[in-house]
Protein backbone atom coordinates (compact mmCIF):
# COMPACT_ATOMS: atom_id res chain seq x y z
CA MET A 1 85.41 152.58 139.02
CA VAL A 2 83.94 150.49 141.80
CA ASP A 3 80.22 149.82 141.33
CA GLY A 4 78.60 149.12 144.70
CA LYS A 5 75.58 147.55 143.02
CA ARG A 6 77.65 144.77 141.55
CA SER A 7 79.39 141.89 143.25
CA LEU A 8 83.11 142.25 143.82
CA GLY A 9 83.79 139.33 141.48
CA THR A 10 82.33 138.53 138.09
CA GLY A 11 81.94 134.84 138.88
CA SER A 12 83.74 133.80 135.71
CA HIS A 13 87.05 134.14 133.93
CA HIS A 14 87.34 136.02 130.67
CA ASN A 15 90.80 135.07 129.38
CA GLY A 16 92.16 138.59 129.54
CA LYS A 17 89.11 140.29 128.05
CA THR A 18 86.46 142.63 129.41
CA SER A 19 83.46 144.55 128.08
CA LEU A 20 82.87 148.18 127.22
CA ALA A 21 79.52 149.76 128.11
CA ASP A 22 77.93 148.62 124.84
CA GLY A 23 79.01 145.04 125.39
CA THR A 24 81.94 145.12 122.99
CA ARG A 25 84.60 142.66 124.11
CA VAL A 26 88.11 144.10 124.27
CA GLU A 27 91.47 143.06 125.65
CA LYS A 28 92.11 144.22 129.19
CA ASN A 29 95.21 146.04 127.98
CA SER A 30 93.36 147.81 125.17
CA PRO A 31 93.83 151.61 125.04
CA ASN A 32 90.39 152.44 126.43
CA ILE A 33 90.73 150.02 129.33
CA GLN A 34 94.22 151.33 130.04
CA ALA A 35 92.80 154.86 130.22
CA ILE A 36 89.93 153.75 132.45
CA GLY A 37 92.47 152.13 134.75
CA ILE A 38 94.42 155.38 135.03
CA VAL A 39 91.21 157.26 135.84
CA ASP A 40 90.51 154.68 138.56
CA GLU A 41 94.00 155.11 139.98
CA LEU A 42 93.66 158.90 139.90
CA ASN A 43 90.29 158.80 141.64
CA SER A 44 91.70 156.48 144.31
CA LEU A 45 94.61 158.84 144.95
CA ILE A 46 92.20 161.75 145.26
CA GLY A 47 90.18 159.65 147.70
CA MET A 48 93.30 159.18 149.80
CA ALA A 49 93.91 162.93 149.75
CA ILE A 50 90.31 163.51 150.87
CA ALA A 51 90.87 161.09 153.77
CA SER A 52 94.00 163.00 154.82
CA GLU A 53 94.34 166.31 156.68
CA CYS A 54 93.94 168.41 153.52
CA GLY A 55 91.48 170.97 154.86
CA SER A 56 87.73 171.18 154.40
CA ASP A 57 87.93 173.61 151.48
CA VAL A 58 90.41 171.42 149.59
CA ARG A 59 88.34 168.35 150.44
CA GLU A 60 85.27 169.94 148.88
CA VAL A 61 87.09 170.61 145.60
CA LEU A 62 88.49 167.08 145.49
CA SER A 63 85.13 165.49 146.27
CA GLU A 64 83.51 167.19 143.29
CA THR A 65 86.43 166.07 141.15
CA GLN A 66 85.76 162.44 142.06
CA GLU A 67 82.23 162.72 140.70
CA GLU A 68 83.56 164.13 137.42
CA LEU A 69 86.11 161.35 137.10
CA VAL A 70 83.31 158.79 137.33
CA SER A 71 81.74 160.51 134.31
CA LEU A 72 85.07 160.45 132.50
CA ALA A 73 85.47 156.72 133.13
CA GLY A 74 81.95 156.19 131.78
CA GLU A 75 82.80 158.20 128.67
CA LEU A 76 85.87 156.05 128.04
CA SER A 77 83.75 152.92 128.46
CA ALA A 78 81.25 154.26 125.92
CA PRO A 79 83.39 155.92 123.21
CA GLY A 80 81.65 158.90 121.62
CA SER A 81 79.28 159.45 124.54
CA ALA A 82 80.85 162.71 125.84
CA LEU A 83 79.50 162.12 129.36
CA LEU A 84 81.93 164.61 130.88
CA GLY A 85 80.20 167.93 130.25
CA HIS A 86 81.63 171.38 129.62
CA ALA A 87 80.44 172.40 133.09
CA ALA A 88 83.14 170.16 134.56
CA LEU A 89 85.84 171.90 132.52
CA ARG A 90 84.53 175.33 133.51
CA ARG A 91 84.55 174.26 137.16
CA VAL A 92 88.19 173.12 137.23
CA GLU A 93 89.23 176.21 135.26
CA GLY A 94 87.47 178.41 137.81
CA GLU A 95 88.95 176.53 140.74
CA LEU A 96 92.44 176.76 139.24
CA ALA A 97 92.10 180.51 138.80
CA ARG A 98 90.84 180.87 142.37
CA TRP A 99 93.55 178.81 144.06
CA ALA A 100 96.41 180.00 141.86
CA ALA A 101 95.54 183.63 142.60
CA GLU A 102 96.35 183.03 146.27
CA LEU A 103 99.76 181.48 145.59
CA PRO A 104 103.03 183.35 145.10
CA ALA A 105 105.17 182.46 142.11
CA ALA A 106 107.36 179.44 142.77
CA THR A 107 110.93 180.46 143.65
CA GLY A 108 112.34 177.12 142.51
CA VAL A 109 111.32 173.70 141.27
CA VAL A 110 108.59 172.65 143.71
CA LEU A 111 109.43 169.26 145.18
CA PRO A 112 106.59 166.72 145.53
CA ARG A 113 106.80 166.21 149.27
CA GLY A 114 105.83 168.00 152.49
CA THR A 115 102.66 166.98 154.29
CA MET A 116 100.97 163.67 153.50
CA ALA A 117 97.96 165.51 152.07
CA ALA A 118 100.16 167.55 149.74
CA ALA A 119 102.21 164.51 148.72
CA LEU A 120 99.00 162.72 147.72
CA CYS A 121 97.91 165.72 145.65
CA PHE A 122 101.34 165.75 143.99
CA LYS A 123 101.01 162.05 143.18
CA ALA A 124 97.49 162.60 141.86
CA ARG A 125 98.82 165.37 139.64
CA ALA A 126 101.50 163.08 138.18
CA THR A 127 98.87 160.39 137.52
CA CYS A 128 96.63 162.99 135.91
CA ARG A 129 99.45 163.88 133.51
CA THR A 130 99.75 160.18 132.67
CA LEU A 131 96.03 160.16 131.95
CA GLU A 132 96.37 163.23 129.74
CA ARG A 133 99.08 161.54 127.66
CA GLU A 134 96.94 158.41 127.35
CA LEU A 135 93.98 160.48 126.16
CA VAL A 136 96.12 162.25 123.58
CA GLY A 137 97.25 158.86 122.30
CA LEU A 138 93.67 157.62 122.11
CA SER A 139 92.51 160.63 120.14
CA ASP A 140 95.46 160.32 117.76
CA VAL A 141 94.60 156.69 116.98
CA ASP A 142 90.84 157.21 116.63
CA PRO A 143 89.77 160.87 116.72
CA ILE A 144 86.08 160.26 115.92
CA PRO A 145 84.98 159.27 119.48
CA PHE A 146 86.72 162.38 120.82
CA ARG A 147 84.80 164.87 118.69
CA GLY A 148 83.08 167.20 121.12
CA SER A 149 84.87 165.64 124.11
CA ILE A 150 86.60 167.87 126.62
CA ALA A 151 88.36 164.93 128.32
CA THR A 152 91.92 165.88 127.34
CA SER A 153 91.45 169.55 128.22
CA TYR A 154 89.87 168.55 131.51
CA ALA A 155 92.84 166.35 132.45
CA ASP A 156 95.26 169.14 131.52
CA VAL A 157 93.56 171.72 133.74
CA LEU A 158 92.92 169.24 136.55
CA ALA A 159 96.64 168.46 136.75
CA ASP A 160 97.38 172.15 137.25
CA LEU A 161 94.62 172.40 139.84
CA LEU A 162 96.04 169.45 141.80
CA LEU A 163 99.43 171.17 141.80
CA ALA A 164 97.87 174.38 143.10
CA LEU A 165 96.10 172.44 145.85
CA ALA A 166 99.30 170.59 146.79
CA ARG A 167 101.22 173.85 147.06
CA THR A 168 98.42 175.43 149.09
CA VAL A 169 98.34 172.57 151.59
CA ASN A 170 102.10 172.68 152.01
CA ARG A 171 102.26 176.44 152.38
CA ARG A 172 99.58 176.35 155.06
CA ALA A 173 101.82 173.94 156.96
CA ASN A 174 105.00 175.89 156.11
CA ALA A 175 106.23 172.72 154.39
CA GLU A 176 106.84 173.78 150.77
CA ALA A 177 110.26 172.71 149.49
CA THR A 178 112.10 173.60 146.30
CA ALA A 179 115.04 171.93 144.59
CA ARG A 180 118.50 173.45 144.73
CA MET A 181 118.89 173.18 140.95
CA SER A 182 116.37 172.86 138.15
CA PRO A 183 116.61 170.07 135.52
CA VAL A 184 117.48 172.65 132.83
CA GLN A 185 120.30 174.10 134.95
CA ALA A 186 121.58 170.65 135.89
CA ALA A 187 121.75 169.65 132.21
CA SER A 188 123.55 172.84 131.24
CA GLY A 189 125.97 172.75 134.18
CA ARG A 190 125.11 176.32 135.18
CA GLU A 191 124.85 177.47 138.76
CA PRO A 192 121.23 177.83 139.91
CA PRO A 193 119.96 181.42 139.94
CA LEU A 194 117.82 182.85 142.69
CA THR A 195 114.62 181.98 140.84
CA VAL A 196 113.71 179.09 138.59
CA THR A 197 113.53 179.59 134.81
CA GLN A 198 110.06 180.23 133.45
CA GLY A 199 110.12 177.04 131.38
CA VAL A 200 110.70 174.81 134.39
CA ASP A 201 108.09 176.74 136.34
CA GLN A 202 105.56 175.66 133.71
CA VAL A 203 106.27 172.04 134.62
CA PHE A 204 106.94 172.05 138.34
CA GLY A 205 105.33 175.27 139.54
CA LEU A 206 102.29 177.17 138.41
CA ARG A 207 102.17 177.94 134.74
CA SER A 208 103.68 181.03 133.21
CA ASN A 209 103.17 182.41 129.72
CA GLU A 210 106.84 183.32 129.48
CA PRO A 211 108.85 181.23 126.98
CA LEU A 212 111.87 179.19 128.03
CA GLU A 213 115.02 181.19 127.37
């Protein structure tokens, strides 16, 4: 995260190391710093979406998300701090339910394109999934700092919310596009049906509780 109270440069070189919040020196490619970097990238992408023609209601949701991501970055810089509260998870869950309720089921694999605002939300979603995988890896290596943390669950739900927002923006502009064939169908060599399989919909459209056949 960018701290406006600090200078843009540190004024010294640290030979590939940096500090966590408690002063612990770690390599700049250490797992926690890698995760913080992904949060920073995600927040920057969301900032780009906010600066685009996404709509005032979408902009409001994204702006609140940026504040929560600052807390998440702080939590990763201070392992065990659990700075991202349960209220943040409840918020993104509520927003996902609200936005998904207004969307029809995807009739194919939703392509990450359309308007610039939607494309940025799609890219943010993909980065959020990268963050989720990084958080899972962190908790597998050292689960103690993640006790009581909702970081991984938050990233999971946020990714779905970003997809719902991307689809909403595109549908408002009549710009939603779907692939001619799903990855599962392409691998099997089958002709694409009229609607996408439920399993692929879980990945590229809004989630379904139906199992992959």
